[in-house]
N, C-alpha and C. Protein backbone atom coordinates (compact mmCIF):
# COMPACT_ATOMS: atom_id res chain seq x y z
N MET A 1 115.32 163.73 107.01
CA MET A 1 116.62 164.37 106.94
C MET A 1 116.99 164.88 108.33
N GLU A 2 118.26 164.74 108.66
CA GLU A 2 118.71 165.30 109.93
C GLU A 2 120.13 165.84 109.81
N ILE A 3 120.40 166.84 110.63
CA ILE A 3 121.74 167.41 110.72
C ILE A 3 122.08 167.57 112.19
N GLN A 4 123.35 167.78 112.44
CA GLN A 4 123.82 168.03 113.79
C GLN A 4 124.13 169.52 113.93
N VAL A 5 123.58 170.16 114.95
CA VAL A 5 123.89 171.55 115.26
C VAL A 5 124.51 171.53 116.66
N ASP A 6 125.82 171.64 116.71
CA ASP A 6 126.57 171.45 117.95
C ASP A 6 126.17 170.10 118.55
N ASP A 7 125.60 170.07 119.75
CA ASP A 7 125.26 168.80 120.40
C ASP A 7 123.81 168.37 120.18
N THR A 8 123.09 169.07 119.33
CA THR A 8 121.66 168.80 119.11
C THR A 8 121.41 168.26 117.71
N THR A 9 120.57 167.24 117.63
CA THR A 9 120.14 166.72 116.33
C THR A 9 118.91 167.52 115.90
N LEU A 10 118.97 168.09 114.71
CA LEU A 10 117.84 168.79 114.10
C LEU A 10 117.32 167.87 113.00
N GLU A 11 116.05 167.52 113.12
CA GLU A 11 115.48 166.49 112.25
C GLU A 11 114.21 167.00 111.57
N LEU A 12 114.02 166.60 110.33
CA LEU A 12 112.78 166.87 109.60
C LEU A 12 112.07 165.55 109.38
N ILE A 13 110.77 165.51 109.70
CA ILE A 13 109.98 164.33 109.38
C ILE A 13 108.62 164.78 108.86
N GLU A 14 108.01 163.93 108.08
CA GLU A 14 106.63 164.16 107.65
C GLU A 14 105.77 163.26 108.52
N GLY A 15 104.71 163.84 109.12
CA GLY A 15 103.87 163.00 109.95
C GLY A 15 102.92 163.77 110.82
N ASP A 16 102.44 163.07 111.83
CA ASP A 16 101.46 163.58 112.78
C ASP A 16 102.16 163.90 114.08
N ILE A 17 102.27 165.16 114.40
CA ILE A 17 103.00 165.60 115.60
C ILE A 17 102.40 165.02 116.89
N THR A 18 101.10 164.73 116.87
CA THR A 18 100.45 164.19 118.08
C THR A 18 100.88 162.76 118.38
N GLU A 19 101.50 162.09 117.42
CA GLU A 19 101.93 160.70 117.60
C GLU A 19 103.41 160.57 117.97
N LEU A 20 104.12 161.67 118.00
CA LEU A 20 105.56 161.60 118.24
C LEU A 20 105.89 161.30 119.69
N ASP A 21 106.97 160.53 119.86
CA ASP A 21 107.48 160.21 121.18
C ASP A 21 108.59 161.20 121.51
N VAL A 22 108.17 162.40 121.92
CA VAL A 22 109.09 163.48 122.32
C VAL A 22 108.60 164.02 123.66
N ASP A 23 109.46 164.76 124.33
CA ASP A 23 109.10 165.32 125.64
C ASP A 23 108.07 166.44 125.52
N ALA A 24 108.16 167.22 124.45
CA ALA A 24 107.26 168.37 124.27
C ALA A 24 106.90 168.50 122.79
N ILE A 25 105.66 168.93 122.54
CA ILE A 25 105.28 169.30 121.19
C ILE A 25 104.86 170.76 121.21
N VAL A 26 105.04 171.39 120.08
CA VAL A 26 104.65 172.79 119.93
C VAL A 26 103.36 172.83 119.13
N ASN A 27 102.41 173.59 119.63
CA ASN A 27 101.14 173.81 118.96
C ASN A 27 101.19 175.17 118.27
N ALA A 28 100.70 175.22 117.03
CA ALA A 28 100.54 176.49 116.33
C ALA A 28 99.23 177.09 116.83
N ALA A 29 99.32 177.98 117.80
CA ALA A 29 98.15 178.46 118.54
C ALA A 29 97.70 179.85 118.09
N ASN A 30 96.50 180.20 118.54
CA ASN A 30 96.02 181.58 118.38
C ASN A 30 96.15 182.29 119.73
N GLU A 31 95.97 183.58 119.74
CA GLU A 31 96.22 184.39 120.95
C GLU A 31 95.32 184.01 122.13
N GLN A 32 94.13 183.51 121.85
CA GLN A 32 93.20 183.15 122.94
C GLN A 32 93.34 181.69 123.37
N LEU A 33 94.26 180.95 122.73
CA LEU A 33 94.48 179.52 123.00
C LEU A 33 93.19 178.72 122.87
N GLN A 34 92.40 179.07 121.87
CA GLN A 34 91.19 178.31 121.56
C GLN A 34 91.56 177.29 120.48
N HIS A 35 91.40 176.03 120.80
CA HIS A 35 91.90 174.95 119.96
C HIS A 35 90.78 174.33 119.12
N GLY A 36 90.13 175.16 118.30
CA GLY A 36 88.97 174.72 117.56
C GLY A 36 89.22 174.25 116.14
N GLY A 37 90.40 174.50 115.58
CA GLY A 37 90.64 174.11 114.20
C GLY A 37 92.09 173.76 113.96
N GLY A 38 92.35 173.13 112.82
CA GLY A 38 93.71 172.80 112.40
C GLY A 38 94.46 171.94 113.38
N LEU A 39 95.75 172.19 113.49
CA LEU A 39 96.62 171.42 114.37
C LEU A 39 96.17 171.52 115.82
N ALA A 40 95.78 172.71 116.25
CA ALA A 40 95.35 172.90 117.64
C ALA A 40 94.18 171.97 117.99
N ALA A 41 93.23 171.82 117.06
CA ALA A 41 92.08 170.93 117.30
C ALA A 41 92.53 169.48 117.38
N ALA A 42 93.47 169.09 116.52
CA ALA A 42 93.98 167.72 116.55
C ALA A 42 94.68 167.43 117.88
N ILE A 43 95.47 168.38 118.35
CA ILE A 43 96.17 168.21 119.63
C ILE A 43 95.16 168.11 120.77
N ALA A 44 94.18 169.01 120.79
CA ALA A 44 93.17 169.00 121.86
C ALA A 44 92.32 167.72 121.80
N ARG A 45 91.99 167.28 120.61
CA ARG A 45 91.18 166.07 120.46
C ARG A 45 91.93 164.85 120.98
N LYS A 46 93.18 164.67 120.55
CA LYS A 46 93.95 163.50 120.97
C LYS A 46 94.44 163.60 122.41
N GLY A 47 94.68 164.81 122.87
CA GLY A 47 95.18 165.00 124.22
C GLY A 47 94.10 165.03 125.28
N GLY A 48 92.85 165.21 124.86
CA GLY A 48 91.74 165.24 125.79
C GLY A 48 91.45 166.65 126.29
N PRO A 49 90.37 166.78 127.08
CA PRO A 49 89.88 168.10 127.49
C PRO A 49 90.82 168.88 128.41
N THR A 50 91.76 168.22 129.02
CA THR A 50 92.69 168.89 129.94
C THR A 50 93.44 170.03 129.25
N ILE A 51 93.84 169.82 128.00
CA ILE A 51 94.63 170.82 127.29
C ILE A 51 93.84 172.11 127.11
N GLN A 52 92.58 172.02 126.68
CA GLN A 52 91.77 173.22 126.52
C GLN A 52 91.47 173.86 127.87
N GLN A 53 91.20 173.05 128.89
CA GLN A 53 90.93 173.59 130.22
C GLN A 53 92.12 174.37 130.75
N GLU A 54 93.31 173.80 130.63
CA GLU A 54 94.51 174.49 131.10
C GLU A 54 94.81 175.73 130.26
N SER A 55 94.50 175.67 128.97
CA SER A 55 94.69 176.83 128.10
C SER A 55 93.77 177.96 128.52
N ASP A 56 92.50 177.63 128.79
CA ASP A 56 91.54 178.64 129.26
C ASP A 56 92.00 179.27 130.57
N GLU A 57 92.50 178.44 131.48
CA GLU A 57 93.00 178.95 132.76
C GLU A 57 94.20 179.86 132.55
N TRP A 58 95.09 179.48 131.63
CA TRP A 58 96.28 180.28 131.35
C TRP A 58 95.87 181.66 130.86
N VAL A 59 94.95 181.71 129.90
CA VAL A 59 94.52 183.00 129.34
C VAL A 59 93.77 183.81 130.40
N GLU A 60 92.98 183.15 131.23
CA GLU A 60 92.26 183.86 132.28
C GLU A 60 93.23 184.52 133.27
N GLU A 61 94.32 183.81 133.57
CA GLU A 61 95.30 184.32 134.53
C GLU A 61 96.27 185.33 133.92
N HIS A 62 96.71 185.09 132.68
CA HIS A 62 97.78 185.90 132.07
C HIS A 62 97.32 186.80 130.93
N GLY A 63 96.12 186.56 130.41
CA GLY A 63 95.66 187.31 129.24
C GLY A 63 96.06 186.61 127.96
N PRO A 64 95.65 187.16 126.82
CA PRO A 64 95.99 186.53 125.54
C PRO A 64 97.50 186.41 125.35
N VAL A 65 97.90 185.44 124.55
CA VAL A 65 99.31 185.23 124.23
C VAL A 65 99.61 186.04 122.97
N SER A 66 100.54 186.92 123.05
CA SER A 66 100.90 187.77 121.91
C SER A 66 101.58 186.95 120.82
N ALA A 67 101.44 187.42 119.59
CA ALA A 67 102.17 186.80 118.48
C ALA A 67 103.66 186.86 118.80
N GLY A 68 104.33 185.74 118.60
CA GLY A 68 105.76 185.65 118.91
C GLY A 68 106.04 185.10 120.29
N ALA A 69 105.00 184.88 121.09
CA ALA A 69 105.17 184.41 122.46
C ALA A 69 104.57 183.00 122.62
N VAL A 70 104.75 182.42 123.81
CA VAL A 70 104.30 181.06 124.07
C VAL A 70 103.61 180.95 125.43
N ALA A 71 102.86 179.86 125.57
CA ALA A 71 102.27 179.43 126.84
C ALA A 71 102.46 177.92 126.93
N VAL A 72 102.39 177.36 128.12
CA VAL A 72 102.60 175.92 128.30
C VAL A 72 101.44 175.31 129.06
N THR A 73 101.04 174.11 128.60
CA THR A 73 100.07 173.29 129.33
C THR A 73 100.62 171.88 129.40
N SER A 74 99.96 171.05 130.18
CA SER A 74 100.30 169.63 130.13
C SER A 74 99.85 169.10 128.78
N ALA A 75 100.20 167.86 128.48
CA ALA A 75 99.86 167.27 127.19
C ALA A 75 98.71 166.28 127.29
N GLY A 76 98.05 166.23 128.44
CA GLY A 76 96.91 165.34 128.58
C GLY A 76 97.28 163.91 128.24
N ASP A 77 96.56 163.31 127.30
CA ASP A 77 96.74 161.90 126.94
C ASP A 77 97.77 161.68 125.82
N LEU A 78 98.46 162.73 125.40
CA LEU A 78 99.48 162.59 124.35
C LEU A 78 100.73 161.90 124.91
N LYS A 79 101.60 161.42 124.03
CA LYS A 79 102.86 160.81 124.45
C LYS A 79 103.79 161.85 125.08
N ALA A 80 103.72 163.08 124.60
CA ALA A 80 104.56 164.16 125.12
C ALA A 80 104.14 164.49 126.56
N ASP A 81 105.02 165.16 127.27
CA ASP A 81 104.72 165.59 128.64
C ASP A 81 104.04 166.96 128.67
N ILE A 82 104.45 167.84 127.76
CA ILE A 82 103.90 169.19 127.74
C ILE A 82 103.61 169.63 126.30
N VAL A 83 102.72 170.63 126.20
CA VAL A 83 102.45 171.29 124.94
C VAL A 83 102.87 172.75 125.10
N ILE A 84 103.72 173.20 124.21
CA ILE A 84 104.12 174.60 124.17
C ILE A 84 103.29 175.25 123.07
N HIS A 85 102.43 176.16 123.46
CA HIS A 85 101.53 176.82 122.52
C HIS A 85 102.22 178.09 122.01
N ALA A 86 102.68 178.05 120.76
CA ALA A 86 103.39 179.18 120.16
C ALA A 86 102.45 179.92 119.23
N VAL A 87 102.34 181.22 119.43
CA VAL A 87 101.48 182.04 118.58
C VAL A 87 102.34 182.71 117.52
N GLY A 88 102.10 182.30 116.29
CA GLY A 88 102.80 182.90 115.17
C GLY A 88 101.98 184.05 114.62
N PRO A 89 102.53 184.78 113.68
CA PRO A 89 101.85 185.93 113.11
C PRO A 89 100.86 185.54 112.02
N VAL A 90 99.88 186.38 111.81
CA VAL A 90 99.07 186.31 110.60
C VAL A 90 99.93 186.95 109.52
N TYR A 91 100.12 186.27 108.42
CA TYR A 91 101.03 186.74 107.38
C TYR A 91 100.49 187.99 106.68
N ASP A 92 101.35 188.99 106.59
CA ASP A 92 100.98 190.21 105.87
C ASP A 92 102.10 190.68 104.94
N GLY A 93 103.13 189.85 104.79
CA GLY A 93 104.22 190.18 103.87
C GLY A 93 105.25 191.15 104.39
N THR A 94 105.12 191.59 105.64
CA THR A 94 106.06 192.56 106.19
C THR A 94 107.23 191.87 106.90
N ARG A 95 108.29 192.62 107.10
CA ARG A 95 109.43 192.13 107.88
C ARG A 95 108.99 191.81 109.30
N ARG A 96 108.01 192.53 109.80
CA ARG A 96 107.51 192.29 111.16
C ARG A 96 106.95 190.88 111.29
N ALA A 97 106.28 190.37 110.26
CA ALA A 97 105.74 189.00 110.30
C ALA A 97 106.89 188.00 110.47
N ALA A 98 107.97 188.20 109.73
CA ALA A 98 109.13 187.31 109.85
C ALA A 98 109.74 187.39 111.25
N GLU A 99 109.82 188.59 111.81
CA GLU A 99 110.36 188.76 113.16
C GLU A 99 109.49 188.05 114.19
N LEU A 100 108.18 188.11 114.03
CA LEU A 100 107.28 187.45 114.97
C LEU A 100 107.34 185.93 114.84
N LEU A 101 107.49 185.43 113.63
CA LEU A 101 107.63 183.99 113.45
C LEU A 101 108.94 183.51 114.06
N GLU A 102 110.00 184.24 113.81
CA GLU A 102 111.29 183.90 114.42
C GLU A 102 111.18 183.92 115.94
N SER A 103 110.51 184.92 116.48
CA SER A 103 110.32 185.03 117.93
C SER A 103 109.53 183.84 118.47
N ALA A 104 108.52 183.38 117.75
CA ALA A 104 107.72 182.23 118.20
C ALA A 104 108.58 180.98 118.28
N VAL A 105 109.45 180.78 117.29
CA VAL A 105 110.33 179.61 117.29
C VAL A 105 111.32 179.70 118.44
N ARG A 106 111.96 180.84 118.58
CA ARG A 106 112.95 181.01 119.65
C ARG A 106 112.30 180.87 121.03
N ALA A 107 111.12 181.45 121.19
CA ALA A 107 110.41 181.37 122.47
C ALA A 107 110.04 179.92 122.79
N ALA A 108 109.62 179.17 121.77
CA ALA A 108 109.27 177.76 121.99
C ALA A 108 110.49 176.95 122.41
N LEU A 109 111.62 177.17 121.74
CA LEU A 109 112.83 176.43 122.10
C LEU A 109 113.35 176.85 123.47
N LEU A 110 113.30 178.13 123.77
CA LEU A 110 113.71 178.61 125.08
C LEU A 110 112.82 178.02 126.18
N LYS A 111 111.50 177.97 125.94
CA LYS A 111 110.59 177.39 126.93
C LYS A 111 110.90 175.91 127.11
N ALA A 112 111.19 175.20 126.03
CA ALA A 112 111.56 173.79 126.14
C ALA A 112 112.81 173.64 127.01
N ASP A 113 113.80 174.51 126.79
CA ASP A 113 115.00 174.49 127.63
C ASP A 113 114.65 174.74 129.09
N ARG A 114 113.84 175.75 129.33
CA ARG A 114 113.49 176.10 130.72
C ARG A 114 112.66 175.02 131.39
N GLU A 115 111.92 174.25 130.60
CA GLU A 115 111.14 173.13 131.14
C GLU A 115 112.01 171.88 131.27
N ASP A 116 113.29 172.00 130.90
CA ASP A 116 114.28 170.94 131.02
C ASP A 116 113.92 169.69 130.23
N VAL A 117 113.35 169.89 129.05
CA VAL A 117 113.06 168.74 128.20
C VAL A 117 114.25 168.51 127.27
N ARG A 118 114.37 167.31 126.77
CA ARG A 118 115.48 166.95 125.89
C ARG A 118 115.07 166.89 124.42
N SER A 119 113.77 166.69 124.18
CA SER A 119 113.31 166.58 122.79
C SER A 119 112.01 167.37 122.62
N VAL A 120 111.93 168.06 121.47
CA VAL A 120 110.76 168.89 121.18
C VAL A 120 110.47 168.81 119.69
N ALA A 121 109.17 168.81 119.36
CA ALA A 121 108.75 168.80 117.96
C ALA A 121 107.95 170.05 117.67
N LEU A 122 108.25 170.67 116.53
CA LEU A 122 107.55 171.88 116.08
C LEU A 122 106.86 171.63 114.75
N PRO A 123 105.71 172.25 114.56
CA PRO A 123 105.05 172.21 113.25
C PRO A 123 105.51 173.42 112.42
N ALA A 124 104.96 173.55 111.24
CA ALA A 124 105.21 174.72 110.41
C ALA A 124 104.25 175.83 110.88
N ILE A 125 104.67 176.57 111.88
CA ILE A 125 103.85 177.58 112.55
C ILE A 125 103.39 178.65 111.55
N SER A 126 102.14 179.04 111.65
CA SER A 126 101.52 180.12 110.88
C SER A 126 101.23 179.79 109.41
N THR A 127 101.52 178.56 108.97
CA THR A 127 101.34 178.24 107.56
C THR A 127 99.93 177.74 107.23
N GLY A 128 99.10 177.58 108.24
CA GLY A 128 97.72 177.16 108.00
C GLY A 128 96.85 178.38 107.75
N ILE A 129 95.84 178.57 108.60
CA ILE A 129 94.89 179.67 108.40
C ILE A 129 95.54 181.05 108.56
N PHE A 130 96.73 181.11 109.16
CA PHE A 130 97.41 182.40 109.29
C PHE A 130 98.10 182.81 107.99
N GLY A 131 98.15 181.90 107.01
CA GLY A 131 98.54 182.25 105.65
C GLY A 131 100.01 182.46 105.35
N TYR A 132 100.91 182.05 106.23
CA TYR A 132 102.33 182.27 105.98
C TYR A 132 102.78 181.33 104.86
N PRO A 133 103.42 181.84 103.81
CA PRO A 133 103.89 180.99 102.73
C PRO A 133 104.92 179.97 103.24
N MET A 134 104.78 178.72 102.82
CA MET A 134 105.62 177.63 103.33
C MET A 134 107.10 177.89 103.11
N GLU A 135 107.49 178.37 101.93
CA GLU A 135 108.92 178.60 101.67
C GLU A 135 109.50 179.65 102.60
N GLU A 136 108.78 180.73 102.79
CA GLU A 136 109.27 181.77 103.70
C GLU A 136 109.31 181.27 105.14
N ALA A 137 108.28 180.52 105.53
CA ALA A 137 108.24 179.97 106.90
C ALA A 137 109.40 179.02 107.13
N ALA A 138 109.70 178.17 106.16
CA ALA A 138 110.82 177.23 106.29
C ALA A 138 112.12 177.98 106.51
N ASP A 139 112.34 179.03 105.72
CA ASP A 139 113.57 179.81 105.85
C ASP A 139 113.68 180.45 107.23
N VAL A 140 112.62 181.11 107.66
CA VAL A 140 112.63 181.81 108.95
C VAL A 140 112.76 180.81 110.11
N MET A 141 111.97 179.76 110.08
CA MET A 141 111.95 178.82 111.20
C MET A 141 113.24 178.03 111.33
N LEU A 142 113.76 177.53 110.21
CA LEU A 142 115.01 176.77 110.28
C LEU A 142 116.18 177.65 110.67
N ARG A 143 116.23 178.86 110.14
CA ARG A 143 117.30 179.79 110.50
C ARG A 143 117.24 180.10 112.01
N ALA A 144 116.04 180.33 112.53
CA ALA A 144 115.88 180.63 113.96
C ALA A 144 116.31 179.44 114.82
N ALA A 145 115.92 178.24 114.41
CA ALA A 145 116.27 177.05 115.18
C ALA A 145 117.78 176.80 115.17
N ILE A 146 118.40 176.90 114.00
CA ILE A 146 119.84 176.67 113.91
C ILE A 146 120.60 177.71 114.73
N ASP A 147 120.17 178.95 114.65
CA ASP A 147 120.79 180.01 115.43
C ASP A 147 120.66 179.72 116.93
N TYR A 148 119.44 179.34 117.35
CA TYR A 148 119.22 179.05 118.77
C TYR A 148 120.07 177.88 119.23
N LEU A 149 120.09 176.81 118.44
CA LEU A 149 120.82 175.60 118.83
C LEU A 149 122.33 175.77 118.79
N SER A 150 122.80 176.85 118.17
CA SER A 150 124.23 177.14 118.14
C SER A 150 124.71 177.72 119.47
N GLY A 151 123.79 178.04 120.34
CA GLY A 151 124.12 178.55 121.67
C GLY A 151 123.91 177.47 122.72
N PRO A 152 124.02 177.83 124.00
CA PRO A 152 123.85 176.84 125.06
C PRO A 152 122.40 176.34 125.12
N THR A 153 122.24 175.02 125.19
CA THR A 153 120.92 174.41 125.26
C THR A 153 121.03 173.01 125.85
N VAL A 154 119.98 172.54 126.52
CA VAL A 154 119.91 171.16 126.99
C VAL A 154 119.19 170.28 125.97
N LEU A 155 118.66 170.90 124.93
CA LEU A 155 117.93 170.13 123.92
C LEU A 155 118.87 169.20 123.17
N GLU A 156 118.48 167.94 123.09
CA GLU A 156 119.26 166.94 122.37
C GLU A 156 118.67 166.65 120.99
N ARG A 157 117.35 166.88 120.85
CA ARG A 157 116.68 166.56 119.59
C ARG A 157 115.57 167.58 119.34
N VAL A 158 115.63 168.23 118.19
CA VAL A 158 114.59 169.15 117.76
C VAL A 158 114.06 168.63 116.43
N VAL A 159 112.76 168.37 116.39
CA VAL A 159 112.12 167.79 115.22
C VAL A 159 111.16 168.81 114.62
N PHE A 160 111.29 169.04 113.33
CA PHE A 160 110.25 169.77 112.61
C PHE A 160 109.35 168.70 112.01
N CYS A 161 108.16 168.55 112.58
CA CYS A 161 107.20 167.55 112.12
C CYS A 161 106.24 168.24 111.15
N LEU A 162 106.34 167.86 109.89
CA LEU A 162 105.64 168.58 108.84
C LEU A 162 104.49 167.75 108.31
N TYR A 163 103.36 168.41 108.15
CA TYR A 163 102.15 167.74 107.72
C TYR A 163 102.05 167.80 106.20
N GLY A 164 102.26 166.65 105.56
CA GLY A 164 102.14 166.58 104.11
C GLY A 164 103.47 166.62 103.41
N GLU A 165 103.51 165.97 102.26
CA GLU A 165 104.74 165.85 101.48
C GLU A 165 105.26 167.20 101.00
N GLU A 166 104.35 168.08 100.60
CA GLU A 166 104.77 169.40 100.10
C GLU A 166 105.50 170.19 101.18
N ALA A 167 104.95 170.19 102.38
CA ALA A 167 105.60 170.90 103.49
C ALA A 167 106.96 170.29 103.79
N TYR A 168 107.02 168.97 103.83
CA TYR A 168 108.30 168.31 104.10
C TYR A 168 109.33 168.67 103.03
N GLN A 169 108.95 168.55 101.77
CA GLN A 169 109.89 168.83 100.68
C GLN A 169 110.39 170.27 100.71
N THR A 170 109.50 171.19 101.07
CA THR A 170 109.90 172.59 101.16
C THR A 170 110.93 172.80 102.26
N PHE A 171 110.67 172.25 103.45
CA PHE A 171 111.62 172.37 104.56
C PHE A 171 112.93 171.65 104.23
N GLU A 172 112.84 170.49 103.60
CA GLU A 172 114.04 169.74 103.26
C GLU A 172 114.92 170.52 102.28
N ALA A 173 114.32 171.10 101.25
CA ALA A 173 115.09 171.89 100.28
C ALA A 173 115.76 173.07 100.95
N THR A 174 115.05 173.72 101.86
CA THR A 174 115.62 174.87 102.57
C THR A 174 116.76 174.44 103.47
N LEU A 175 116.59 173.33 104.19
CA LEU A 175 117.66 172.85 105.07
C LEU A 175 118.88 172.43 104.24
N ARG A 176 118.66 171.80 103.11
CA ARG A 176 119.78 171.41 102.24
C ARG A 176 120.56 172.65 101.78
N GLU A 177 119.85 173.72 101.45
CA GLU A 177 120.52 174.97 101.06
C GLU A 177 121.37 175.50 102.19
N PHE A 178 120.83 175.47 103.42
CA PHE A 178 121.60 175.94 104.57
C PHE A 178 122.88 175.11 104.74
N VAL A 179 122.75 173.79 104.63
CA VAL A 179 123.90 172.90 104.79
C VAL A 179 124.94 173.18 103.71
N GLU A 180 124.49 173.34 102.48
CA GLU A 180 125.42 173.61 101.36
C GLU A 180 126.15 174.93 101.54
N ARG A 181 125.46 175.91 102.13
CA ARG A 181 126.09 177.22 102.37
C ARG A 181 126.89 177.24 103.66
N GLY A 182 126.81 176.16 104.43
CA GLY A 182 127.54 176.10 105.69
C GLY A 182 126.88 176.88 106.80
N ALA A 183 125.55 177.08 106.69
CA ALA A 183 124.83 177.86 107.72
C ALA A 183 124.63 177.06 108.97
């Protein structure tokens, strides 16, 4: 499914984010940028050791990445040019968790703009071991992306690359609701 938000195409796909032909991919990262499990491990495995090495250097130089913030490394052997490591919140059911997830999405898109990329793919941040419910994440993430893309941006294509049919269907239903309401 795809929609147009001003001059940017917002697209939902089910698949493997490491295989996408986009300028940048977003990693659902932890604060220490240790890529030992989940999506982060898949990105580090396919991208090669450079991604973890650069992540370690980033944390050594700047300190841990706070929830809601991002860091950037090269993409190693991936098709993408860069990886934007977005740290989402550990879900606790509070409004603060939603604010931090929204911040992670906005920060990732802003970093993509500042890196002058035209296409970026995001996963369902925080929905793995951080426990964020998929329906709530879809609402927060899509709302944040649509809001961001309604302003000035060089981004031409933003892809939510969702792992598994359930995740895709959840994001698709949420995006359809937004379209029907004219959001």
